[in-house]
Amino acid sequence: MSEISAVAVSVCQFSPTASRADNRERIAALTADAASRGARLVVFPEYASYFNDPMDDSFSANAEALDGEFVRHLQATASVHGITIIAGLVESAGERVRNALVAVDATGLRAVYRKQHLYDAFGQTESDWIEAGEITEPQTLDIDGLRIAMMTCYDLRFPEVARTLVDAGADVIVVPAEWVRGPLKEHHWTTLLAARAIENTVYVVAADHPAPIGVGHSQIIDPLGVVIAGVGSAEGIATAHLEQQTIVRVREINPALRLRRYTVAPR
């Protein structure tokens, strides 16, 4: 275990638009604000590079490669502040696109996650435009002794995803989202975030789009399911300090991971 006592993490709740340039500028400004609060990791929502409602073929036209302008901009921004940034990227993939998350620091791309469960629910059909990510070994990254792993939005409804990340050693699960508003959706969002933290005894760091499209309520949740920082329904930043010793202490009193009798296998 690292001797570092705490790692500051910020979630930035903002509304990505159909202007990729505007999104990059907004990310740079929010990152500077978060870094001024001491953040070592700054998390942005799903589709941070490009977003349009409703989904259409403009997503393919505005998709980028992993070495494209968006990731290069994240790298430059991260380098200025000496931090790591996680954000949603519309990644090019032929006729359709991939809904990807990228973790980037001054050295470049550290980890990638591609959304595995597409949002074909509640009247939406994300699969019309998005190619599901392949099931592979999770990519993780370490920040000051904490191991970080990622998943996206609708993946939150599938507890096996989080469990595979914990099996890969994750201390913190980062969940960028565009959690669409609707009946009971705020309740589902907050309940599932807390559940993933409690059942896996990890921190959960979730960044959503604000109202009126998203539910907002970006949150940082501790391994007991307590919200230790959060944003309401408008744009904003929330910052909290994550302590590895908190994870150790919770797992001593609630050794659920050690006591479980099932593993997760892909279908």
C-alpha atoms as a PDB file:
ATOM      1  CA  MET A   1       0.000   0.000   0.000  1.00  0.00           C
ATOM      2  CA  SER A   2       1.132   3.533  -0.740  1.00  0.00           C
ATOM      3  CA  GLU A   3       2.086   5.863   2.094  1.00  0.00           C
ATOM      4  CA  ILE A   4       0.257   8.728   0.389  1.00  0.00           C
ATOM      5  CA  SER A   5      -2.610   9.560   2.732  1.00  0.00           C
ATOM      6  CA  ALA A   6      -5.159  10.925   0.249  1.00  0.00           C
ATOM      7  CA  VAL A   7      -5.671  11.646  -3.433  1.00  0.00           C
ATOM      8  CA  ALA A   8      -7.834  14.590  -4.487  1.00  0.00           C
ATOM      9  CA  VAL A   9     -10.305  13.760  -7.259  1.00  0.00           C
ATOM     10  CA  SER A  10     -12.729  16.103  -9.033  1.00  0.00           C
ATOM     11  CA  VAL A  11     -15.830  15.379 -11.098  1.00  0.00           C
ATOM     12  CA  CYS A  12     -16.736  18.039 -13.671  1.00  0.00           C
ATOM     13  CA  GLN A  13     -20.409  18.116 -14.615  1.00  0.00           C
ATOM     14  CA  PHE A  14     -20.813  19.952 -17.915  1.00  0.00           C
ATOM     15  CA  SER A  15     -22.821  19.844 -21.146  1.00  0.00           C
ATOM     16  CA  PRO A  16     -20.791  18.736 -24.166  1.00  0.00           C
ATOM     17  CA  THR A  17     -22.113  20.174 -27.424  1.00  0.00           C
ATOM     18  CA  ALA A  18     -21.849  19.590 -31.159  1.00  0.00           C
ATOM     19  CA  SER A  19     -18.815  21.903 -31.246  1.00  0.00           C
ATOM     20  CA  ARG A  20     -15.683  19.867 -30.607  1.00  0.00           C
ATOM     21  CA  ALA A  21     -13.618  23.044 -30.251  1.00  0.00           C
ATOM     22  CA  ASP A  22     -15.969  24.458 -27.614  1.00  0.00           C
ATOM     23  CA  ASN A  23     -15.857  21.169 -25.709  1.00  0.00           C
ATOM     24  CA  ARG A  24     -12.065  21.234 -25.649  1.00  0.00           C
ATOM     25  CA  GLU A  25     -12.027  24.815 -24.389  1.00  0.00           C
ATOM     26  CA  ARG A  26     -14.567  24.007 -21.690  1.00  0.00           C
ATOM     27  CA  ILE A  27     -12.569  20.985 -20.559  1.00  0.00           C
ATOM     28  CA  ALA A  28      -9.414  23.094 -20.331  1.00  0.00           C
ATOM     29  CA  ALA A  29     -11.155  25.708 -18.183  1.00  0.00           C
ATOM     30  CA  LEU A  30     -12.795  23.172 -15.880  1.00  0.00           C
ATOM     31  CA  THR A  31      -9.545  21.253 -15.523  1.00  0.00           C
ATOM     32  CA  ALA A  32      -7.730  24.431 -14.479  1.00  0.00           C
ATOM     33  CA  ASP A  33     -10.420  25.059 -11.856  1.00  0.00           C
ATOM     34  CA  ALA A  34     -10.230  21.489 -10.547  1.00  0.00           C
ATOM     35  CA  ALA A  35      -6.434  21.551 -10.473  1.00  0.00           C
ATOM     36  CA  SER A  36      -6.530  24.759  -8.437  1.00  0.00           C
ATOM     37  CA  ARG A  37      -8.474  22.767  -5.838  1.00  0.00           C
ATOM     38  CA  GLY A  38      -5.667  20.221  -5.677  1.00  0.00           C
ATOM     39  CA  ALA A  39      -7.165  17.533  -7.916  1.00  0.00           C
ATOM     40  CA  ARG A  40      -4.798  14.808  -9.106  1.00  0.00           C
ATOM     41  CA  LEU A  41      -7.532  13.172 -11.217  1.00  0.00           C
ATOM     42  CA  VAL A  42     -10.242  15.097 -13.087  1.00  0.00           C
ATOM     43  CA  VAL A  43     -13.232  13.206 -14.491  1.00  0.00           C
ATOM     44  CA  PHE A  44     -15.536  14.391 -17.281  1.00  0.00           C
ATOM     45  CA  PRO A  45     -18.778  12.840 -18.588  1.00  0.00           C
ATOM     46  CA  GLU A  46     -19.480  10.383 -21.358  1.00  0.00           C
ATOM     47  CA  TYR A  47     -19.437  11.922 -24.882  1.00  0.00           C
ATOM     48  CA  ALA A  48     -17.228  14.780 -23.669  1.00  0.00           C
ATOM     49  CA  SER A  49     -15.573  15.140 -27.089  1.00  0.00           C
ATOM     50  CA  TYR A  50     -18.840  15.481 -29.011  1.00  0.00           C
ATOM     51  CA  PHE A  51     -22.549  15.262 -28.231  1.00  0.00           C
ATOM     52  CA  ASN A  52     -25.770  15.911 -30.088  1.00  0.00           C
ATOM     53  CA  ASP A  53     -29.344  15.093 -29.076  1.00  0.00           C
ATOM     54  CA  PRO A  54     -30.850  13.069 -30.632  1.00  0.00           C
ATOM     55  CA  MET A  55     -28.094  10.797 -31.911  1.00  0.00           C
ATOM     56  CA  ASP A  56     -27.564  10.887 -35.670  1.00  0.00           C
ATOM     57  CA  ASP A  57     -24.885  10.317 -38.290  1.00  0.00           C
ATOM     58  CA  SER A  58     -23.074  13.448 -37.117  1.00  0.00           C
ATOM     59  CA  PHE A  59     -21.442  11.243 -34.466  1.00  0.00           C
ATOM     60  CA  SER A  60     -19.587   9.334 -37.158  1.00  0.00           C
ATOM     61  CA  ALA A  61     -18.611  12.569 -38.886  1.00  0.00           C
ATOM     62  CA  ASN A  62     -17.177  13.925 -35.629  1.00  0.00           C
ATOM     63  CA  ALA A  63     -15.520  10.744 -34.345  1.00  0.00           C
ATOM     64  CA  GLU A  64     -11.785  10.768 -33.669  1.00  0.00           C
ATOM     65  CA  ALA A  65      -8.987   8.258 -33.363  1.00  0.00           C
ATOM     66  CA  LEU A  66      -7.219   7.575 -30.075  1.00  0.00           C
ATOM     67  CA  ASP A  67      -4.318   9.703 -31.302  1.00  0.00           C
ATOM     68  CA  GLY A  68      -6.602  12.457 -32.589  1.00  0.00           C
ATOM     69  CA  GLU A  69      -7.086  16.080 -31.634  1.00  0.00           C
ATOM     70  CA  PHE A  70      -9.188  15.429 -28.531  1.00  0.00           C
ATOM     71  CA  VAL A  71      -6.694  13.097 -26.867  1.00  0.00           C
ATOM     72  CA  ARG A  72      -3.793  15.355 -27.824  1.00  0.00           C
ATOM     73  CA  HIS A  73      -5.636  18.261 -26.220  1.00  0.00           C
ATOM     74  CA  LEU A  74      -6.251  16.254 -23.049  1.00  0.00           C
ATOM     75  CA  GLN A  75      -2.558  15.372 -22.932  1.00  0.00           C
ATOM     76  CA  ALA A  76      -1.524  19.006 -23.286  1.00  0.00           C
ATOM     77  CA  THR A  77      -4.013  20.099 -20.626  1.00  0.00           C
ATOM     78  CA  ALA A  78      -2.946  17.339 -18.256  1.00  0.00           C
ATOM     79  CA  SER A  79       0.686  18.282 -18.780  1.00  0.00           C
ATOM     80  CA  VAL A  80       0.076  21.918 -17.852  1.00  0.00           C
ATOM     81  CA  HIS A  81      -1.404  20.906 -14.504  1.00  0.00           C
ATOM     82  CA  GLY A  82       0.502  17.699 -13.805  1.00  0.00           C
ATOM     83  CA  ILE A  83      -2.670  15.619 -13.457  1.00  0.00           C
ATOM     84  CA  THR A  84      -4.644  12.799 -15.092  1.00  0.00           C
ATOM     85  CA  ILE A  85      -7.880  13.385 -17.028  1.00  0.00           C
ATOM     86  CA  ILE A  86     -10.600  10.833 -17.800  1.00  0.00           C
ATOM     87  CA  ALA A  87     -13.212  11.805 -20.391  1.00  0.00           C
ATOM     88  CA  GLY A  88     -15.629  10.313 -22.905  1.00  0.00           C
ATOM     89  CA  LEU A  89     -14.472  10.111 -26.526  1.00  0.00           C
ATOM     90  CA  VAL A  90     -16.539   9.429 -29.630  1.00  0.00           C
ATOM     91  CA  GLU A  91     -14.010   7.099 -31.255  1.00  0.00           C
ATOM     92  CA  SER A  92     -13.972   6.386 -34.982  1.00  0.00           C
ATOM     93  CA  ALA A  93     -14.831   2.808 -35.965  1.00  0.00           C
ATOM     94  CA  GLY A  94     -15.912   2.705 -39.606  1.00  0.00           C
ATOM     95  CA  GLU A  95     -19.629   3.077 -40.286  1.00  0.00           C
ATOM     96  CA  ARG A  96     -20.460   3.293 -36.591  1.00  0.00           C
ATOM     97  CA  VAL A  97     -18.463   4.739 -33.685  1.00  0.00           C
ATOM     98  CA  ARG A  98     -17.253   3.499 -30.327  1.00  0.00           C
ATOM     99  CA  ASN A  99     -18.317   5.068 -27.061  1.00  0.00           C
ATOM    100  CA  ALA A 100     -14.902   5.186 -25.408  1.00  0.00           C
ATOM    101  CA  LEU A 101     -13.339   6.507 -22.229  1.00  0.00           C
ATOM    102  CA  VAL A 102      -9.747   7.665 -22.266  1.00  0.00           C
ATOM    103  CA  ALA A 103      -7.420   8.226 -19.331  1.00  0.00           C
ATOM    104  CA  VAL A 104      -4.688  10.670 -20.286  1.00  0.00           C
ATOM    105  CA  ASP A 105      -1.778  12.306 -18.480  1.00  0.00           C
ATOM    106  CA  ALA A 106       1.309  14.244 -19.554  1.00  0.00           C
ATOM    107  CA  THR A 107       2.854  11.075 -21.002  1.00  0.00           C
ATOM    108  CA  GLY A 108      -0.161  10.345 -23.200  1.00  0.00           C
ATOM    109  CA  LEU A 109      -2.857   7.700 -23.245  1.00  0.00           C
ATOM    110  CA  ARG A 110      -2.801   5.582 -20.072  1.00  0.00           C
ATOM    111  CA  ALA A 111      -5.945   3.453 -20.432  1.00  0.00           C
ATOM    112  CA  VAL A 112      -8.999   2.995 -22.655  1.00  0.00           C
ATOM    113  CA  TYR A 113     -12.451   1.594 -21.954  1.00  0.00           C
ATOM    114  CA  ARG A 114     -15.134   1.035 -24.576  1.00  0.00           C
ATOM    115  CA  LYS A 115     -18.755   0.848 -23.452  1.00  0.00           C
ATOM    116  CA  GLN A 116     -19.841  -2.788 -23.308  1.00  0.00           C
ATOM    117  CA  HIS A 117     -23.591  -2.478 -22.660  1.00  0.00           C
ATOM    118  CA  LEU A 118     -25.301  -0.160 -25.123  1.00  0.00           C
ATOM    119  CA  TYR A 119     -28.314   1.895 -24.102  1.00  0.00           C
ATOM    120  CA  ASP A 120     -31.084   0.052 -25.939  1.00  0.00           C
ATOM    121  CA  ALA A 121     -33.594   0.762 -23.203  1.00  0.00           C
ATOM    122  CA  PHE A 122     -36.143   3.324 -22.023  1.00  0.00           C
ATOM    123  CA  GLY A 123     -37.036   4.078 -25.643  1.00  0.00           C
ATOM    124  CA  GLN A 124     -33.437   4.659 -26.769  1.00  0.00           C
ATOM    125  CA  THR A 125     -31.387   2.637 -29.287  1.00  0.00           C
ATOM    126  CA  GLU A 126     -27.739   3.542 -28.868  1.00  0.00           C
ATOM    127  CA  SER A 127     -26.756   0.498 -30.926  1.00  0.00           C
ATOM    128  CA  ASP A 128     -28.086   2.213 -34.067  1.00  0.00           C
ATOM    129  CA  TRP A 129     -24.967   4.390 -33.955  1.00  0.00           C
ATOM    130  CA  ILE A 130     -22.522   2.768 -31.539  1.00  0.00           C
ATOM    131  CA  GLU A 131     -20.429  -0.387 -31.747  1.00  0.00           C
ATOM    132  CA  ALA A 132     -20.205  -2.232 -28.425  1.00  0.00           C
ATOM    133  CA  GLY A 133     -16.769  -2.653 -26.902  1.00  0.00           C
ATOM    134  CA  GLU A 134     -15.190  -6.081 -26.850  1.00  0.00           C
ATOM    135  CA  ILE A 135     -14.941  -7.889 -23.539  1.00  0.00           C
ATOM    136  CA  THR A 136     -11.251  -7.816 -22.685  1.00  0.00           C
ATOM    137  CA  GLU A 137      -9.083  -7.717 -19.595  1.00  0.00           C
ATOM    138  CA  PRO A 138      -9.719  -4.374 -17.868  1.00  0.00           C
ATOM    139  CA  GLN A 139      -7.181  -1.624 -18.372  1.00  0.00           C
ATOM    140  CA  THR A 140      -6.280   0.140 -15.142  1.00  0.00           C
ATOM    141  CA  LEU A 141      -3.955   2.932 -14.117  1.00  0.00           C
ATOM    142  CA  ASP A 142      -2.368   3.892 -10.819  1.00  0.00           C
ATOM    143  CA  ILE A 143      -2.484   7.424  -9.438  1.00  0.00           C
ATOM    144  CA  ASP A 144      -0.542   8.044  -6.243  1.00  0.00           C
ATOM    145  CA  GLY A 145      -1.078   4.480  -5.074  1.00  0.00           C
ATOM    146  CA  LEU A 146      -4.762   4.157  -5.986  1.00  0.00           C
ATOM    147  CA  ARG A 147      -5.692   1.843  -8.839  1.00  0.00           C
ATOM    148  CA  ILE A 148      -8.304   3.358 -11.149  1.00  0.00           C
ATOM    149  CA  ALA A 149     -10.661   1.490 -13.514  1.00  0.00           C
ATOM    150  CA  MET A 150     -13.465   2.709 -15.774  1.00  0.00           C
ATOM    151  CA  MET A 151     -16.937   1.861 -17.025  1.00  0.00           C
ATOM    152  CA  THR A 152     -19.648   3.869 -18.771  1.00  0.00           C
ATOM    153  CA  CYS A 153     -23.218   4.908 -17.987  1.00  0.00           C
ATOM    154  CA  TYR A 154     -25.552   1.961 -18.824  1.00  0.00           C
ATOM    155  CA  ASP A 155     -22.806  -0.448 -17.709  1.00  0.00           C
ATOM    156  CA  LEU A 156     -23.754   0.680 -14.199  1.00  0.00           C
ATOM    157  CA  ARG A 157     -26.896  -1.473 -14.397  1.00  0.00           C
ATOM    158  CA  PHE A 158     -24.761  -4.608 -14.789  1.00  0.00           C
ATOM    159  CA  PRO A 159     -22.978  -5.339 -11.495  1.00  0.00           C
ATOM    160  CA  GLU A 160     -20.700  -7.893 -13.167  1.00  0.00           C
ATOM    161  CA  VAL A 161     -18.823  -5.072 -14.902  1.00  0.00           C
ATOM    162  CA  ALA A 162     -17.825  -3.454 -11.635  1.00  0.00           C
ATOM    163  CA  ARG A 163     -16.913  -6.812 -10.138  1.00  0.00           C
ATOM    164  CA  THR A 164     -14.509  -7.572 -12.998  1.00  0.00           C
ATOM    165  CA  LEU A 165     -12.848  -4.201 -12.385  1.00  0.00           C
ATOM    166  CA  VAL A 166     -12.425  -5.003  -8.705  1.00  0.00           C
ATOM    167  CA  ASP A 167     -10.979  -8.390  -9.656  1.00  0.00           C
ATOM    168  CA  ALA A 168      -8.402  -6.422 -11.672  1.00  0.00           C
ATOM    169  CA  GLY A 169      -7.419  -4.631  -8.481  1.00  0.00           C
ATOM    170  CA  ALA A 170      -9.465  -1.456  -8.758  1.00  0.00           C
ATOM    171  CA  ASP A 171      -9.682   0.787  -5.687  1.00  0.00           C
ATOM    172  CA  VAL A 172     -11.694   3.405  -7.570  1.00  0.00           C
ATOM    173  CA  ILE A 173     -14.331   2.871 -10.270  1.00  0.00           C
ATOM    174  CA  VAL A 174     -14.820   5.904 -12.522  1.00  0.00           C
ATOM    175  CA  VAL A 175     -18.226   6.179 -14.232  1.00  0.00           C
ATOM    176  CA  PRO A 176     -18.574   8.910 -16.889  1.00  0.00           C
ATOM    177  CA  ALA A 177     -22.203   9.013 -18.027  1.00  0.00           C
ATOM    178  CA  GLU A 178     -24.937  10.705 -19.964  1.00  0.00           C
ATOM    179  CA  TRP A 179     -27.703   9.412 -17.690  1.00  0.00           C
ATOM    180  CA  VAL A 180     -30.839  10.511 -19.539  1.00  0.00           C
ATOM    181  CA  ARG A 181     -33.588  12.147 -17.512  1.00  0.00           C
ATOM    182  CA  GLY A 182     -36.909  10.346 -17.057  1.00  0.00           C
ATOM    183  CA  PRO A 183     -39.251   8.899 -14.439  1.00  0.00           C
ATOM    184  CA  LEU A 184     -37.255   7.545 -11.476  1.00  0.00           C
ATOM    185  CA  LYS A 185     -33.968   7.972 -13.365  1.00  0.00           C
ATOM    186  CA  GLU A 186     -32.369  10.105 -10.628  1.00  0.00           C
ATOM    187  CA  HIS A 187     -33.320   7.431  -8.119  1.00  0.00           C
ATOM    188  CA  HIS A 188     -31.836   4.685 -10.304  1.00  0.00           C
ATOM    189  CA  TRP A 189     -28.626   6.678 -10.823  1.00  0.00           C
ATOM    190  CA  THR A 190     -27.940   7.438  -7.180  1.00  0.00           C
ATOM    191  CA  THR A 191     -29.036   3.999  -5.964  1.00  0.00           C
ATOM    192  CA  LEU A 192     -26.882   2.078  -8.436  1.00  0.00           C
ATOM    193  CA  LEU A 193     -23.827   4.246  -7.811  1.00  0.00           C
ATOM    194  CA  ALA A 194     -24.099   3.586  -4.090  1.00  0.00           C
ATOM    195  CA  ALA A 195     -24.708  -0.122  -4.664  1.00  0.00           C
ATOM    196  CA  ARG A 196     -21.586  -0.516  -6.799  1.00  0.00           C
ATOM    197  CA  ALA A 197     -19.529   1.176  -4.069  1.00  0.00           C
ATOM    198  CA  ILE A 198     -21.040  -0.850  -1.203  1.00  0.00           C
ATOM    199  CA  GLU A 199     -20.941  -4.298  -2.778  1.00  0.00           C
ATOM    200  CA  ASN A 200     -17.365  -3.857  -4.023  1.00  0.00           C
ATOM    201  CA  THR A 201     -16.033  -1.814  -1.069  1.00  0.00           C
ATOM    202  CA  VAL A 202     -14.475   0.736  -3.438  1.00  0.00           C
ATOM    203  CA  TYR A 203     -14.778   4.422  -4.198  1.00  0.00           C
ATOM    204  CA  VAL A 204     -17.092   5.318  -7.095  1.00  0.00           C
ATOM    205  CA  VAL A 205     -16.470   8.552  -9.002  1.00  0.00           C
ATOM    206  CA  ALA A 206     -19.307   9.450 -11.383  1.00  0.00           C
ATOM    207  CA  ALA A 207     -19.623  12.401 -13.789  1.00  0.00           C
ATOM    208  CA  ASP A 208     -22.893  13.065 -15.614  1.00  0.00           C
ATOM    209  CA  HIS A 209     -24.334  15.662 -17.972  1.00  0.00           C
ATOM    210  CA  PRO A 210     -26.409  18.328 -16.205  1.00  0.00           C
ATOM    211  CA  ALA A 211     -30.106  19.036 -16.786  1.00  0.00           C
ATOM    212  CA  PRO A 212     -32.095  19.242 -18.951  1.00  0.00           C
ATOM    213  CA  ILE A 213     -30.764  16.173 -20.805  1.00  0.00           C
ATOM    214  CA  GLY A 214     -28.913  14.401 -17.996  1.00  0.00           C
ATOM    215  CA  VAL A 215     -30.014  13.977 -14.396  1.00  0.00           C
ATOM    216  CA  GLY A 216     -26.846  15.598 -13.085  1.00  0.00           C
ATOM    217  CA  HIS A 217     -25.954  14.587  -9.524  1.00  0.00           C
ATOM    218  CA  SER A 218     -22.345  13.774 -10.306  1.00  0.00           C
ATOM    219  CA  GLN A 219     -20.951  12.207  -7.154  1.00  0.00           C
ATOM    220  CA  ILE A 220     -17.967  10.807  -5.343  1.00  0.00           C
ATOM    221  CA  ILE A 221     -18.974   7.918  -3.088  1.00  0.00           C
ATOM    222  CA  ASP A 222     -16.915   6.162  -0.439  1.00  0.00           C
ATOM    223  CA  PRO A 223     -16.671   2.356   0.074  1.00  0.00           C
ATOM    224  CA  LEU A 224     -19.563   2.447   2.561  1.00  0.00           C
ATOM    225  CA  GLY A 225     -21.849   4.095   0.006  1.00  0.00           C
ATOM    226  CA  VAL A 226     -21.694   7.581   1.516  1.00  0.00           C
ATOM    227  CA  VAL A 227     -21.663  10.547  -0.870  1.00  0.00           C
ATOM    228  CA  ILE A 228     -18.612  12.580   0.169  1.00  0.00           C
ATOM    229  CA  ALA A 229     -18.895  15.186  -2.600  1.00  0.00           C
ATOM    230  CA  GLY A 230     -21.452  15.970  -5.270  1.00  0.00           C
ATOM    231  CA  VAL A 231     -23.084  18.400  -7.676  1.00  0.00           C
ATOM    232  CA  GLY A 232     -26.772  19.159  -8.128  1.00  0.00           C
ATOM    233  CA  SER A 233     -28.538  19.337 -11.493  1.00  0.00           C
ATOM    234  CA  ALA A 234     -26.581  22.300 -12.913  1.00  0.00           C
ATOM    235  CA  GLU A 235     -23.006  22.475 -14.165  1.00  0.00           C
ATOM    236  CA  GLY A 236     -20.348  22.369 -11.488  1.00  0.00           C
ATOM    237  CA  ILE A 237     -17.332  20.689  -9.930  1.00  0.00           C
ATOM    238  CA  ALA A 238     -17.144  18.466  -6.857  1.00  0.00           C
ATOM    239  CA  THR A 239     -13.868  17.455  -5.229  1.00  0.00           C
ATOM    240  CA  ALA A 240     -13.072  14.888  -2.553  1.00  0.00           C
ATOM    241  CA  HIS A 241     -10.019  13.236  -1.058  1.00  0.00           C
ATOM    242  CA  LEU A 242      -9.815   9.464  -1.486  1.00  0.00           C
ATOM    243  CA  GLU A 243      -7.900   7.523   1.144  1.00  0.00           C
ATOM    244  CA  GLN A 244      -6.558   4.046   0.615  1.00  0.00           C
ATOM    245  CA  GLN A 245      -6.722   3.368   4.332  1.00  0.00           C
ATOM    246  CA  THR A 246     -10.478   3.909   4.159  1.00  0.00           C
ATOM    247  CA  ILE A 247     -10.722   0.986   1.729  1.00  0.00           C
ATOM    248  CA  VAL A 248      -8.568  -1.165   4.009  1.00  0.00           C
ATOM    249  CA  ARG A 249     -10.664  -0.272   7.061  1.00  0.00           C
ATOM    250  CA  VAL A 250     -13.994  -0.957   5.314  1.00  0.00           C
ATOM    251  CA  ARG A 251     -12.773  -4.324   4.023  1.00  0.00           C
ATOM    252  CA  GLU A 252     -11.780  -5.325   7.540  1.00  0.00           C
ATOM    253  CA  ILE A 253     -15.308  -4.819   8.832  1.00  0.00           C
ATOM    254  CA  ASN A 254     -17.067  -5.903   5.622  1.00  0.00           C
ATOM    255  CA  PRO A 255     -14.952  -8.611   3.912  1.00  0.00           C
ATOM    256  CA  ALA A 256     -17.587  -9.233   1.236  1.00  0.00           C
ATOM    257  CA  LEU A 257     -15.046  -9.681  -1.550  1.00  0.00           C
ATOM    258  CA  ARG A 258     -13.207 -12.366   0.410  1.00  0.00           C
ATOM    259  CA  LEU A 259     -16.393 -14.161   1.445  1.00  0.00           C
ATOM    260  CA  ARG A 260     -18.082 -14.344  -1.972  1.00  0.00           C
ATOM    261  CA  ARG A 261     -18.556 -17.745  -3.568  1.00  0.00           C
ATOM    262  CA  TYR A 262     -19.042 -16.795  -7.210  1.00  0.00           C
ATOM    263  CA  THR A 263     -16.845 -15.410  -9.946  1.00  0.00           C
ATOM    264  CA  VAL A 264     -17.852 -13.543 -13.118  1.00  0.00           C
ATOM    265  CA  ALA A 265     -17.539 -15.111 -16.556  1.00  0.00           C
ATOM    266  CA  PRO A 266     -18.437 -13.397 -19.869  1.00  0.00           C
ATOM    267  CA  ARG A 267     -21.305 -14.641 -22.049  1.00  0.00           C
END
